[in-house]
Protein backbone atom coordinates (compact mmCIF):
# COMPACT_ATOMS: atom_id res chain seq x y z
CA MET A 1 -0.07 -0.05 -0.10
CA LEU A 2 1.30 3.39 -0.96
CA VAL A 3 0.63 5.81 1.84
CA GLN A 4 -0.55 9.22 0.51
CA THR A 5 -2.94 10.90 2.90
CA ARG A 6 -3.07 11.56 6.50
CA ASP A 7 -5.84 9.22 7.21
CA GLU A 8 -3.77 6.37 5.38
CA PHE A 9 -0.67 7.39 7.46
CA LEU A 10 -2.42 7.25 10.72
CA GLN A 11 -4.18 3.93 9.84
CA ALA A 12 -0.93 2.35 8.89
CA ARG A 13 0.81 3.67 11.93
CA THR A 14 -1.98 2.25 14.24
CA THR A 15 -1.61 -1.22 12.53
CA LEU A 16 2.15 -1.22 12.90
CA LEU A 17 2.09 -0.23 16.50
CA LYS A 18 0.04 -3.37 17.22
CA ALA A 19 2.29 -5.76 15.26
CA ASP A 20 4.83 -8.12 17.04
CA VAL A 21 7.11 -8.47 14.07
CA ILE A 22 7.82 -5.83 11.40
CA ALA A 23 10.03 -6.14 8.50
CA VAL A 24 11.79 -2.80 7.55
CA ASP A 25 13.64 -1.56 4.46
CA THR A 26 14.83 1.94 3.49
CA GLU A 27 15.15 3.46 0.01
CA THR A 28 17.80 6.11 -0.71
CA ASN A 29 19.15 8.02 -3.59
CA TRP A 30 21.91 5.35 -3.93
CA THR A 31 25.00 7.69 -4.11
CA ASP A 32 28.37 6.35 -3.00
CA ASP A 33 28.99 9.41 -0.92
CA TRP A 34 27.32 8.87 2.48
CA ASP A 35 27.42 12.65 3.02
CA SER A 36 25.14 13.11 -0.03
CA ARG A 37 23.01 9.92 0.81
CA GLU A 38 19.23 10.81 1.61
CA LEU A 39 16.33 8.65 2.68
CA MET A 40 13.73 8.53 -0.09
CA GLY A 41 11.22 6.30 1.64
CA ILE A 42 10.60 3.44 4.17
CA SER A 43 8.63 0.24 3.48
CA MET A 44 7.31 -1.95 6.23
CA HIS A 45 5.52 -5.31 6.32
CA CYS A 46 3.55 -7.07 9.06
CA ARG A 47 0.79 -9.50 9.84
CA LEU A 48 -2.46 -8.04 11.15
CA PRO A 49 -2.73 -8.65 14.98
CA GLU A 50 -6.31 -9.57 14.79
CA ASN A 51 -5.87 -11.86 11.80
CA ASN A 52 -2.54 -13.63 11.70
CA GLU A 53 -3.33 -14.94 8.22
CA TYR A 54 -3.59 -11.54 6.72
CA GLU A 55 -0.43 -9.41 5.86
CA LEU A 56 -0.08 -5.83 4.95
CA SER A 57 2.81 -3.81 3.32
CA PHE A 58 3.19 -0.11 3.64
CA TYR A 59 5.39 2.37 1.78
CA PHE A 60 6.03 5.95 3.10
CA PRO A 61 7.57 8.22 0.46
CA PHE A 62 9.44 11.32 1.71
CA ARG A 63 12.02 12.49 -0.74
CA HIS A 64 11.32 11.22 -4.31
CA GLN A 65 12.52 13.71 -6.92
CA HIS A 66 10.16 12.54 -9.74
CA ASP A 67 8.92 14.68 -12.59
CA ARG A 68 5.57 16.03 -11.39
CA ASN A 69 4.66 16.70 -15.02
CA LEU A 70 4.96 12.94 -15.86
CA PHE A 71 3.71 11.63 -12.53
CA SER A 72 1.24 13.91 -11.22
CA LYS A 73 -1.44 11.83 -9.38
CA HIS A 74 -1.18 9.51 -6.43
CA ASN A 75 2.68 10.34 -6.39
CA GLU A 76 2.95 12.80 -3.49
CA ASN A 77 5.77 12.74 -1.05
CA LEU A 78 4.63 12.80 2.54
CA PRO A 79 5.43 15.93 4.67
CA TYR A 80 8.91 15.42 6.16
CA GLU A 81 7.79 16.08 9.64
CA TRP A 82 5.53 13.05 9.48
CA LEU A 83 8.75 11.02 9.61
CA ARG A 84 9.05 12.04 13.25
CA ASP A 85 5.47 10.70 13.70
CA LEU A 86 6.60 7.35 12.24
CA ALA A 87 9.58 7.14 14.53
CA CYS A 88 7.28 5.79 17.40
CA VAL A 89 6.75 2.67 15.19
CA LEU A 90 10.45 2.12 14.53
CA GLU A 91 11.69 3.03 18.08
CA ARG A 92 9.54 0.40 20.01
CA THR A 93 11.14 -1.96 22.45
CA ASP A 94 8.34 -4.50 22.39
CA CYS A 95 8.74 -5.58 18.72
CA ILE A 96 11.06 -7.64 16.64
CA TYR A 97 12.37 -5.78 13.62
CA VAL A 98 13.38 -7.71 10.53
CA GLY A 99 15.62 -6.55 7.85
CA HIS A 100 18.22 -7.67 5.31
CA GLY A 101 21.55 -6.20 5.57
CA PHE A 102 20.50 -4.05 8.68
CA LYS A 103 23.86 -2.04 8.80
CA PHE A 104 22.74 -0.03 5.76
CA ASP A 105 19.40 0.77 7.22
CA PHE A 106 20.86 1.66 10.66
CA LYS A 107 23.06 4.30 9.07
CA VAL A 108 20.21 5.67 6.88
CA LEU A 109 17.75 5.97 9.89
CA GLU A 110 20.20 7.29 12.27
CA ARG A 111 20.99 10.17 9.96
CA GLU A 112 17.22 11.05 10.27
CA GLY A 113 17.41 10.83 14.13
CA ILE A 114 15.75 7.44 14.37
CA PHE A 115 17.34 4.65 16.36
CA LEU A 116 16.37 0.91 16.45
CA THR A 117 17.12 -0.44 19.99
CA ALA A 118 14.66 -3.51 20.01
CA THR A 119 15.42 -6.98 19.10
CA LEU A 120 16.69 -7.40 15.34
CA ARG A 121 16.53 -10.29 13.03
CA ASP A 122 18.79 -9.65 9.89
CA THR A 123 17.90 -12.32 7.46
CA LEU A 124 21.24 -12.00 5.71
CA LEU A 125 22.92 -13.12 8.85
CA LEU A 126 20.28 -15.83 9.54
CA SER A 127 20.98 -17.10 6.15
CA TRP A 128 24.70 -17.23 6.70
CA MET A 129 24.37 -19.00 10.13
CA ASP A 130 22.02 -21.48 8.81
CA ASN A 131 24.62 -22.47 6.13
CA GLU A 132 27.62 -20.40 5.35
CA ASN A 133 28.32 -22.20 2.09
CA LYS A 134 25.39 -20.87 0.14
CA PHE A 135 26.38 -19.39 -3.14
CA SER A 136 24.79 -16.08 -2.21
CA HIS A 137 23.06 -14.64 0.87
CA GLU A 138 21.54 -11.80 -1.16
CA LEU A 139 17.80 -11.16 -1.12
CA ASN A 140 17.15 -11.88 -4.75
CA ASP A 141 18.76 -15.24 -4.41
CA LEU A 142 17.06 -16.17 -1.18
CA ALA A 143 13.59 -15.13 -2.30
CA LYS A 144 12.97 -18.47 -4.07
CA LEU A 145 13.35 -20.22 -0.72
CA VAL A 146 9.96 -18.79 0.19
CA GLY A 147 8.40 -19.00 -3.10
CA ASP A 148 8.85 -15.42 -3.98
CA LYS A 149 10.83 -13.43 -6.55
CA LYS A 150 12.83 -10.24 -6.14
CA ASP A 151 13.69 -8.58 -9.60
CA ARG A 152 14.99 -5.11 -9.69
CA ALA A 153 16.20 -5.22 -13.24
CA GLU A 154 13.07 -3.42 -14.45
CA LEU A 155 13.28 -0.78 -11.59
CA LYS A 156 17.05 -0.32 -12.54
CA SER A 157 15.94 0.26 -16.10
CA ILE A 158 13.29 2.78 -15.18
CA ALA A 159 15.79 4.62 -12.94
CA LYS A 160 18.29 4.84 -15.86
CA ASN A 161 15.73 6.08 -18.21
CA LEU A 162 14.40 8.68 -15.72
CA GLY A 163 17.96 9.83 -14.78
CA GLY A 164 18.58 8.39 -11.28
CA TRP A 165 17.10 6.32 -8.59
CA GLU A 166 15.63 9.27 -6.84
CA LYS A 167 13.70 10.12 -9.98
CA ILE A 168 11.59 6.97 -9.58
CA PRO A 169 7.86 7.98 -8.63
CA PRO A 170 6.43 6.55 -5.21
CA GLU A 171 3.81 4.43 -6.99
CA VAL A 172 6.62 2.57 -8.84
CA MET A 173 8.96 2.31 -5.93
CA GLU A 174 6.11 0.97 -3.69
CA ARG A 175 5.79 -2.27 -5.67
CA TYR A 176 9.44 -3.24 -5.38
CA ALA A 177 10.07 -1.79 -1.83
CA CYS A 178 7.08 -3.61 -0.34
CA GLY A 179 8.05 -6.65 -2.24
CA ASP A 180 11.48 -6.62 -0.50
CA THR A 181 9.95 -6.38 2.97
CA ARG A 182 7.49 -9.16 2.16
CA ILE A 183 10.25 -11.50 1.13
CA THR A 184 12.37 -10.48 4.20
CA TYR A 185 9.51 -11.01 6.56
CA HIS A 186 8.95 -14.51 5.07
CA LEU A 187 12.66 -15.32 5.04
CA TYR A 188 12.73 -14.75 8.85
CA GLU A 189 9.79 -17.19 9.28
CA TYR A 190 11.78 -19.58 7.24
CA PHE A 191 15.28 -19.29 8.85
CA TRP A 192 14.58 -18.80 12.49
CA PRO A 193 13.12 -22.30 13.11
CA ARG A 194 16.11 -23.70 11.22
CA LEU A 195 18.44 -21.95 13.70
CA GLU A 196 16.39 -23.26 16.53
CA LYS A 197 16.78 -26.69 15.26
CA GLN A 198 20.64 -26.26 15.11
CA GLU A 199 20.64 -24.66 18.57
CA LEU A 200 22.21 -21.41 17.13
CA THR A 201 19.58 -18.85 18.27
CA LYS A 202 21.70 -17.91 21.31
CA LEU A 203 24.61 -17.40 19.12
CA TYR A 204 22.59 -15.14 16.83
CA GLU A 205 22.20 -12.74 19.82
CA ARG A 206 26.01 -12.23 19.70
CA GLU A 207 25.76 -11.63 15.93
CA GLU A 208 23.15 -8.92 16.61
CA LYS A 209 25.56 -7.27 18.97
CA LYS A 210 28.39 -7.57 16.59
CA LEU A 211 25.99 -6.02 13.96
CA ARG A 212 25.51 -2.89 16.10
CA ILE A 213 29.37 -2.74 16.92
CA LEU A 214 30.40 -2.95 13.19
CA THR A 215 27.93 -0.22 12.35
CA LYS A 216 29.47 2.10 14.79
CA MET A 217 33.00 1.27 13.50
CA GLU A 218 31.94 1.98 10.03
CA GLN A 219 30.33 5.31 11.14
CA ARG A 220 33.59 6.42 13.09
CA GLY A 221 35.96 5.46 10.39
CA ILE A 222 39.78 5.99 10.55
CA GLN A 223 41.59 9.41 10.12
CA ILE A 224 44.08 9.58 7.12
CA ASP A 225 46.69 12.18 6.94
CA LYS A 226 46.66 13.76 3.51
CA ASP A 227 50.23 15.17 3.54
CA THR A 228 51.72 11.65 4.52
CA ALA A 229 49.51 9.92 1.80
CA VAL A 230 50.67 12.31 -0.87
CA LYS A 231 54.39 12.07 0.21
CA LEU A 232 54.28 8.19 0.21
CA SER A 233 52.52 8.19 -3.24
CA GLU A 234 55.08 10.52 -4.78
CA GLU A 235 57.94 8.36 -3.27
CA ALA A 236 56.30 5.23 -4.82
CA ARG A 237 55.96 6.93 -8.17
CA THR A 238 59.35 8.06 -8.23
CA ARG A 239 60.80 4.59 -7.67
CA MET A 240 58.55 3.20 -10.29
CA ARG A 241 59.84 5.69 -12.81
CA ASP A 242 63.51 5.02 -11.95
CA THR A 243 62.85 1.22 -12.26
CA LEU A 244 61.23 1.70 -15.58
CA ALA A 245 63.97 3.78 -16.89
CA GLU A 246 66.63 1.40 -15.66
CA PHE A 247 64.75 -1.65 -17.30
CA GLY A 248 63.90 -0.10 -20.66
CA TYR A 249 60.72 -2.21 -20.84
CA ASP A 250 57.35 -2.31 -18.97
CA PRO A 251 57.37 -5.15 -16.32
CA GLY A 252 53.63 -4.64 -16.10
CA LYS A 253 53.31 -6.20 -19.52
CA PRO A 254 53.66 -10.13 -19.27
CA SER A 255 54.93 -10.47 -22.86
CA GLN A 256 57.70 -7.96 -22.37
CA LEU A 257 58.69 -9.30 -18.93
CA ALA A 258 58.68 -12.86 -20.09
CA HIS A 259 60.85 -11.91 -23.17
CA ARG A 260 63.36 -10.29 -20.73
CA LEU A 261 63.37 -13.01 -18.08
CA PHE A 262 63.11 -16.14 -20.21
CA GLY A 263 64.20 -15.09 -23.75
CA ALA A 264 67.40 -15.78 -25.37
CA PRO A 265 70.52 -13.53 -24.91
CA PRO A 266 71.41 -10.82 -25.51
CA GLU A 267 67.95 -9.28 -25.09
CA GLY A 268 66.73 -12.08 -22.56
CA LEU A 269 68.41 -13.46 -19.46
CA ALA A 270 67.43 -17.11 -20.35
CA LEU A 271 66.34 -17.83 -16.75
CA PRO A 272 64.71 -21.23 -16.06
CA ILE A 273 60.98 -21.46 -16.22
CA LEU A 274 59.93 -22.83 -12.83
CA GLY A 275 56.11 -22.14 -12.58
CA GLY A 276 54.59 -23.61 -15.76
CA TYR A 277 52.78 -21.88 -18.45
CA SER A 278 49.66 -19.73 -18.56
CA LYS A 279 46.83 -19.91 -21.20
CA ARG A 280 48.03 -16.75 -22.76
CA LYS A 281 50.34 -17.49 -25.74
CA SER A 282 52.60 -15.51 -27.99
CA LYS A 283 54.85 -15.97 -30.92
CA GLU A 284 57.83 -16.28 -28.64
CA PHE A 285 55.97 -18.63 -26.28
CA PRO A 286 53.46 -20.61 -28.22
CA GLN A 287 53.03 -23.12 -25.41
CA GLY A 288 51.96 -20.26 -23.23
CA ILE A 289 53.64 -17.28 -21.38
CA PRO A 290 55.27 -18.58 -18.30
CA TYR A 291 53.73 -17.79 -14.80
CA MET A 292 55.65 -14.92 -13.23
CA THR A 293 53.89 -14.77 -9.82
CA GLU A 294 55.59 -13.58 -6.71
CA ALA A 295 56.57 -17.16 -5.73
CA VAL A 296 58.14 -17.77 -9.20
CA LEU A 297 60.10 -14.60 -9.32
CA SER A 298 61.42 -15.04 -5.84
CA ARG A 299 62.62 -18.58 -6.59
CA LEU A 300 64.44 -17.34 -9.65
CA ASN A 301 66.81 -15.54 -7.25
CA HIS A 302 68.06 -13.20 -9.90
CA PRO A 303 68.54 -9.39 -9.07
CA GLU A 304 66.33 -8.35 -12.02
CA ALA A 305 63.56 -10.69 -11.02
CA LEU A 306 63.77 -9.30 -7.43
CA LYS A 307 63.66 -5.68 -8.76
CA VAL A 308 60.47 -6.63 -10.60
CA LEU A 309 58.95 -7.73 -7.35
CA ASP A 310 60.04 -4.30 -5.81
CA TYR A 311 58.27 -2.50 -8.71
CA ARG A 312 55.21 -4.48 -8.14
CA SER A 313 55.11 -3.83 -4.46
CA TRP A 314 55.46 0.02 -4.99
CA GLN A 315 52.71 -0.19 -7.59
CA LYS A 316 50.35 -2.07 -5.37
CA ALA A 317 51.26 0.08 -2.31
CA ASN A 318 50.44 3.33 -4.14
CA SER A 319 47.23 2.10 -5.90
CA THR A 320 45.87 0.11 -3.00
CA TRP A 321 46.98 2.16 0.02
CA TYR A 322 48.65 5.53 -0.60
CA GLU A 323 46.30 6.75 -3.36
CA GLY A 324 43.65 4.19 -2.79
CA TRP A 325 43.03 4.96 0.84
CA PHE A 326 43.21 8.79 0.30
CA ASN A 327 40.87 8.61 -2.66
CA LYS A 328 38.29 6.91 -0.33
CA THR A 329 38.41 9.48 2.41
CA THR A 330 35.06 11.34 2.92
CA SER A 331 34.49 14.92 3.72
CA ASP A 332 35.62 14.30 7.43
CA GLY A 333 39.08 13.21 6.26
CA ARG A 334 38.33 9.52 7.24
CA ILE A 335 37.96 6.21 5.53
CA HIS A 336 34.95 4.24 6.45
CA PRO A 337 35.54 0.68 5.70
CA GLU A 338 32.65 -1.77 5.18
CA PHE A 339 32.86 -4.79 7.40
CA LYS A 340 31.04 -7.91 6.36
CA GLN A 341 29.97 -10.47 9.02
CA HIS A 342 28.95 -12.85 6.38
CA GLY A 343 32.15 -12.39 4.14
CA THR A 344 33.76 -15.70 4.99
CA VAL A 345 32.81 -19.27 5.74
CA THR A 346 34.93 -19.39 8.98
CA THR A 347 33.10 -16.48 10.65
CA ARG A 348 36.12 -14.15 10.12
CA LEU A 349 35.22 -10.72 9.07
CA SER A 350 35.93 -9.56 5.53
CA CYS A 351 36.41 -5.93 4.63
CA THR A 352 35.84 -3.65 1.51
CA LYS A 353 36.00 0.05 0.52
CA PRO A 354 38.88 -0.32 1.50
CA ASN A 355 40.02 -3.79 2.48
CA MET A 356 41.61 -3.24 5.91
CA GLN A 357 42.57 -7.04 6.12
CA GLN A 358 45.24 -6.51 3.43
CA ILE A 359 47.67 -4.26 5.25
CA PRO A 360 51.22 -5.55 4.57
CA ARG A 361 53.32 -6.95 7.36
CA ASP A 362 56.57 -5.25 6.53
CA VAL A 363 55.91 -1.67 7.83
CA GLU A 364 59.34 -0.47 6.96
CA ARG A 365 59.10 -1.46 3.39
CA THR A 366 55.48 -0.31 3.07
CA PRO A 367 54.60 2.09 5.90
CA VAL A 368 50.83 2.18 5.27
CA LYS A 369 50.14 2.67 9.03
CA SER A 370 52.15 5.96 9.04
CA MET A 371 49.10 7.49 7.29
CA LEU A 372 46.92 6.89 10.26
CA ARG A 373 45.84 9.55 12.68
CA ALA A 374 43.71 9.75 15.75
CA ARG A 375 41.18 12.29 16.55
CA ARG A 376 42.16 15.25 18.53
CA GLY A 377 42.44 14.37 22.22
CA TYR A 378 42.78 10.62 21.50
CA GLU A 379 45.65 8.24 20.58
CA LEU A 380 45.20 5.19 18.17
CA TRP A 381 46.51 1.91 19.53
CA GLU A 382 46.58 -1.56 18.10
CA PHE A 383 45.94 -4.58 20.48
CA ASP A 384 47.10 -7.87 18.94
CA TYR A 385 46.71 -11.39 20.46
CA SER A 386 49.97 -13.17 20.41
CA GLN A 387 50.02 -16.57 18.53
CA MET A 388 46.31 -16.91 19.19
CA GLU A 389 45.74 -19.70 16.49
CA PHE A 390 48.52 -21.86 17.56
CA ARG A 391 47.34 -21.48 21.25
CA LEU A 392 43.74 -22.50 20.40
CA GLY A 393 45.11 -25.31 18.25
CA ALA A 394 47.33 -26.80 21.03
CA ILE A 395 44.12 -26.66 23.25
CA TYR A 396 42.21 -28.59 20.80
CA ALA A 397 44.97 -31.00 20.22
CA ASP A 398 45.58 -31.30 24.03
CA CYS A 399 49.25 -31.26 23.13
CA ASN A 400 50.78 -31.16 26.62
CA PRO A 401 54.38 -30.04 25.61
CA ILE A 402 53.02 -26.85 24.00
CA LEU A 403 50.45 -26.29 26.64
CA ASP A 404 53.14 -26.48 29.40
CA ALA A 405 55.39 -24.13 27.53
CA TYR A 406 52.68 -21.59 27.28
CA GLN A 407 51.91 -22.01 30.97
CA HIS A 408 55.44 -21.42 31.94
CA GLY A 409 56.27 -18.67 29.43
CA ILE A 410 58.70 -20.83 27.36
CA ASP A 411 59.31 -19.86 23.84
CA VAL A 412 57.33 -22.56 21.90
CA HIS A 413 59.33 -22.01 18.71
CA GLN A 414 62.54 -22.61 20.40
CA LEU A 415 61.11 -25.53 22.01
CA THR A 416 60.10 -27.04 18.70
CA SER A 417 63.48 -26.43 17.31
CA SER A 418 65.10 -28.21 20.21
CA ARG A 419 62.69 -31.13 20.16
CA LEU A 420 63.15 -31.66 16.40
CA ASN A 421 66.96 -30.90 16.65
CA LEU A 422 66.61 -28.54 13.71
CA GLU A 423 70.13 -27.01 14.04
CA GLU A 424 71.86 -30.32 13.42
CA LEU A 425 69.02 -31.61 10.95
CA THR A 426 69.26 -28.53 8.76
CA GLY A 427 72.69 -27.06 9.44
CA LEU A 428 71.03 -23.71 10.18
CA SER A 429 72.10 -21.12 12.91
CA ARG A 430 70.08 -21.00 16.18
CA SER A 431 67.95 -18.06 14.91
CA GLU A 432 67.30 -19.65 11.58
CA ALA A 433 66.38 -22.99 12.97
CA ARG A 434 63.87 -21.11 15.44
CA TYR A 435 62.41 -19.50 12.40
CA ALA A 436 62.01 -22.87 10.60
CA ALA A 437 60.40 -24.22 13.63
CA LYS A 438 58.05 -21.17 13.91
CA GLN A 439 56.84 -21.76 10.19
CA THR A 440 56.39 -25.49 10.96
CA ASN A 441 54.40 -24.77 14.05
CA PHE A 442 51.96 -22.42 12.19
CA LEU A 443 51.86 -24.77 9.14
CA THR A 444 50.33 -27.54 11.19
CA ILE A 445 47.19 -25.44 11.67
CA TYR A 446 46.77 -25.03 7.89
CA GLY A 447 47.62 -28.61 6.83
CA GLY A 448 50.36 -27.44 4.50
CA GLY A 449 53.06 -29.73 3.25
CA ALA A 450 56.84 -29.78 2.58
CA ALA A 451 56.56 -27.60 -0.53
CA VAL A 452 54.75 -24.82 1.36
CA LEU A 453 57.19 -25.04 4.33
CA ARG A 454 60.07 -24.79 1.94
CA SER A 455 58.52 -21.76 -0.02
CA GLN A 456 57.58 -19.88 3.21
CA ILE A 457 61.12 -20.17 4.56
CA TRP A 458 62.59 -19.09 1.16
CA ARG A 459 60.14 -16.14 0.98
CA ASP A 460 61.09 -14.61 4.33
CA THR A 461 64.80 -15.73 4.69
CA ARG A 462 66.02 -16.61 1.30
CA LEU A 463 67.12 -19.94 2.69
CA ASP A 464 67.07 -22.43 0.00
CA MET A 465 66.02 -25.52 2.01
CA PRO A 466 65.94 -28.83 0.03
CA TYR A 467 62.48 -30.33 -0.30
CA GLU A 468 63.76 -33.56 1.41
CA THR A 469 64.72 -31.60 4.52
CA ALA A 470 61.40 -29.92 4.63
CA GLU A 471 59.73 -33.30 4.46
CA GLU A 472 61.86 -34.60 7.25
CA ILE A 473 61.07 -31.59 9.44
CA LEU A 474 57.34 -32.30 9.20
CA GLU A 475 57.88 -35.90 9.80
CA GLU A 476 59.89 -35.10 12.96
CA PHE A 477 57.30 -32.69 14.09
CA HIS A 478 54.49 -35.14 13.85
CA LYS A 479 56.64 -37.71 15.71
CA SER A 480 57.34 -35.23 18.52
CA TYR A 481 53.69 -33.89 18.66
CA PRO A 482 51.40 -36.75 17.44
CA GLU A 483 48.48 -34.98 18.95
CA TRP A 484 48.20 -32.48 16.02
CA LYS A 485 47.64 -35.04 13.38
CA LYS A 486 45.13 -36.96 15.60
CA ILE A 487 43.01 -33.94 16.19
CA ALA A 488 43.12 -33.03 12.52
CA ASN A 489 42.00 -36.52 11.56
CA ARG A 490 39.26 -36.42 14.27
CA CYS A 491 37.96 -33.18 12.90
CA GLU A 492 37.89 -34.44 9.28
CA ALA A 493 36.07 -37.67 10.28
CA ALA A 494 33.48 -35.59 12.12
CA ALA A 495 33.08 -33.39 9.04
CA LYS A 496 32.50 -36.44 6.92
CA GLN A 497 30.13 -38.18 9.34
CA ARG A 498 27.89 -35.18 10.40
CA GLY A 499 28.49 -32.53 7.70
CA TYR A 500 29.82 -30.07 10.15
CA VAL A 501 32.17 -29.47 12.92
CA LYS A 502 31.61 -27.33 16.10
CA MET A 503 33.66 -24.41 17.28
CA TRP A 504 34.00 -23.85 21.04
CA THR A 505 30.92 -21.52 21.16
CA GLY A 506 28.84 -24.19 19.48
CA ARG A 507 28.85 -22.41 16.20
CA ARG A 508 28.78 -24.83 13.16
CA ARG A 509 31.05 -24.95 10.18
CA HIS A 510 29.22 -26.86 7.42
CA PHE A 511 30.82 -28.97 4.78
CA ASP A 512 28.85 -29.49 1.68
CA VAL A 513 31.66 -31.09 -0.54
CA VAL A 514 33.85 -34.02 0.21
CA TRP A 515 37.19 -32.40 -0.78
CA LYS A 516 36.71 -29.73 1.79
CA HIS A 517 36.62 -32.13 4.80
CA LYS A 518 40.41 -31.86 5.18
CA ASP A 519 39.91 -28.15 6.14
CA ALA A 520 37.81 -29.03 9.09
CA PHE A 521 40.59 -28.45 11.69
CA ASN A 522 41.80 -25.32 10.27
CA SER A 523 38.17 -24.16 10.16
CA ILE A 524 37.53 -24.59 13.90
CA ILE A 525 40.89 -22.87 14.60
CA GLN A 526 40.27 -19.82 12.36
CA GLY A 527 36.61 -19.65 13.34
CA GLY A 528 37.37 -20.17 16.98
CA CYS A 529 39.81 -17.34 17.06
CA ALA A 530 37.30 -15.09 15.24
CA GLU A 531 34.73 -15.89 18.02
CA ILE A 532 37.31 -15.02 20.68
CA ILE A 533 38.07 -11.63 19.21
CA PHE A 534 34.34 -11.07 18.74
CA ASP A 535 33.58 -11.66 22.44
CA SER A 536 36.41 -9.18 23.23
CA MET A 537 34.89 -6.53 20.95
CA ILE A 538 31.54 -7.01 22.72
CA GLN A 539 33.03 -6.69 26.06
CA LEU A 540 35.17 -3.68 25.00
CA HIS A 541 32.03 -2.00 23.39
CA GLU A 542 29.98 -2.60 26.59
CA GLU A 543 32.83 -0.86 28.51
CA GLY A 544 32.59 2.20 26.35
CA PHE A 545 35.82 1.77 24.24
CA GLU A 546 35.66 2.93 20.71
CA ILE A 547 36.98 0.45 18.32
CA VAL A 548 37.72 1.78 14.85
CA SER A 549 38.96 -1.37 13.07
CA GLN A 550 39.48 -5.12 13.45
CA VAL A 551 42.23 -6.62 11.40
CA HIS A 552 42.46 -10.58 11.91
CA ASP A 553 43.71 -11.06 15.38
CA SER A 554 44.08 -7.42 16.41
CA LEU A 555 41.77 -4.55 17.25
CA TRP A 556 42.43 -0.82 16.69
CA ILE A 557 41.04 1.40 19.35
CA GLU A 558 41.04 5.14 19.96
CA VAL A 559 41.95 5.84 23.44
CA PRO A 560 41.54 9.26 25.14
CA THR A 561 45.00 10.77 25.83
CA ASP A 562 44.14 11.79 29.29
CA SER A 563 43.33 8.21 30.42
CA CYS A 564 45.50 6.40 27.97
CA ASP A 565 47.80 4.41 30.34
CA SER A 566 44.99 3.04 32.53
CA ASP A 567 42.75 2.54 29.64
CA ARG A 568 45.34 0.49 27.69
CA ASP A 569 45.63 -1.63 30.80
CA ARG A 570 42.01 -2.16 31.10
CA ILE A 571 41.78 -3.11 27.44
CA ARG A 572 44.57 -5.73 27.81
CA LYS A 573 42.97 -7.20 30.88
CA ILE A 574 39.51 -7.47 29.05
CA MET A 575 41.02 -8.93 25.94
CA GLU A 576 43.07 -11.58 27.92
CA TRP A 577 39.72 -13.24 29.22
CA PRO A 578 40.45 -16.48 27.34
CA GLU A 579 42.79 -17.54 29.88
CA SER A 580 39.95 -18.22 32.35
CA GLU A 581 38.02 -20.11 29.66
CA PHE A 582 40.93 -22.27 28.18
CA GLY A 583 43.48 -22.51 30.93
CA ILE A 584 46.46 -21.05 29.25
CA PRO A 585 47.53 -17.43 28.71
CA PHE A 586 46.20 -15.49 25.68
CA PRO A 587 48.61 -12.42 26.00
CA VAL A 588 47.88 -9.35 24.04
CA ASP A 589 50.68 -6.98 22.63
CA GLU A 590 50.01 -3.41 22.11
CA LYS A 591 51.53 -0.79 19.68
CA ARG A 592 50.76 2.89 19.20
CA LEU A 593 49.77 3.66 15.60
CA ALA A 594 49.18 7.32 15.95
């Protein structure tokens, strides 16, 4: 129903005030700039309280900018002050609100001074929790589950022809907007019983809290210093120009790079082809242009190949971070990343616009974090769990030597190096052997083999370890710590038998295909660590701390300068709660970012 008159408005409001469950969706002018984004209208769907079989949808238009000469009748915007009259429907505390991708609607409504504080059911998250392996959790793909259809192709065509989404008249928007809330309402009725059957409804309450926290994180954003960004961009461009002048060819073009690296002298270097061939062919390489990935170029161990890697790193740093982040700042000088709860199958967050999970580890080579700034009166700190995945893995494996080492503050990587006798086995120095042990320890979580171990050691240390030695190291590891292979096998068997494994919270990781069963152990480790950091985020949020970003096992928090020392101590103590749950320390390292 398209609401046009005051009587229709009051009747709709009365009906909605009686409803126990209301599906809500907002329509905006769809600009990428949140500073320019405006609410156009709100659609709601509910069942009639006096007749549960009868459903009603309402669309309240407020800011459509349609051509009144083309659409003159039955296409009036409601007076904007009526939106305040509608707030009593949306700010109830005795109602369940249903939406799809609620973070978006939160932001839109809060800009209008409307705050949803009651129980929320986000059908996007319900779908993801029901089975994270779905090809898509988008509304148009889920609609068929409830015998409905969401098709906005026609609406997009209308918007294009009229000159913008905001040009769509209310009577046209009503059909699609009310259709969305109808589908959303039915999806809630479809998914909630399925979560009850899997005993996941209590865990959904955590997801609802996380939803609100992520919304606040996105709204806060992170300050970027313009001068530093410009300086770093200019430095990267200068290095790229100097490298191009030195090369005399463009390393960004595969055919030119392959000709130089693998072609015959004097123009080529005739380096060995190590990574196979791509599908792209040329006259010089009829079987396919050789692969020239980072792994391949580093294995060539030639000065020019390493310079190509340097060129690529400067290019990526500039486009992704220096220019990339600066170009995504809004009028407040901050970037506002979009965090996706449903972005991975392991419950880890994913991030876009920009991707905060891709920050390079080598801060000296790529000083991305030097662009960050805190608000006036605040300091920006990073709080990072130390070896969280390996700690949780050792708990699952019940590996006593590792657990005892953590209990007594012993270096677990040096312990592994000693137990495997790596200095004698490999001929490495003490520090090099410890590093090899570190890579071996972490590799057991991901189920990698000798080739991966050898590649990682080469990548970080340029130690060319024979494949046979890497094999021997892994063999010795599993002899010394047999618990790790046992728990991996148990997880794989459980995934095969039940179709899922459970994390420590009771959260399920589902497996729909046979060849994924081997990832079961890694999934409960990655997912279990994500659950740990989410619980920390909830506790910190409830204590009033302002989290601005989450990057894997770390949180970035703006801390007031006046209370910085005491607040940092409180943050560490809050985040170290897993010790009481799991019995070994989960220490948190801290570092000032700005």
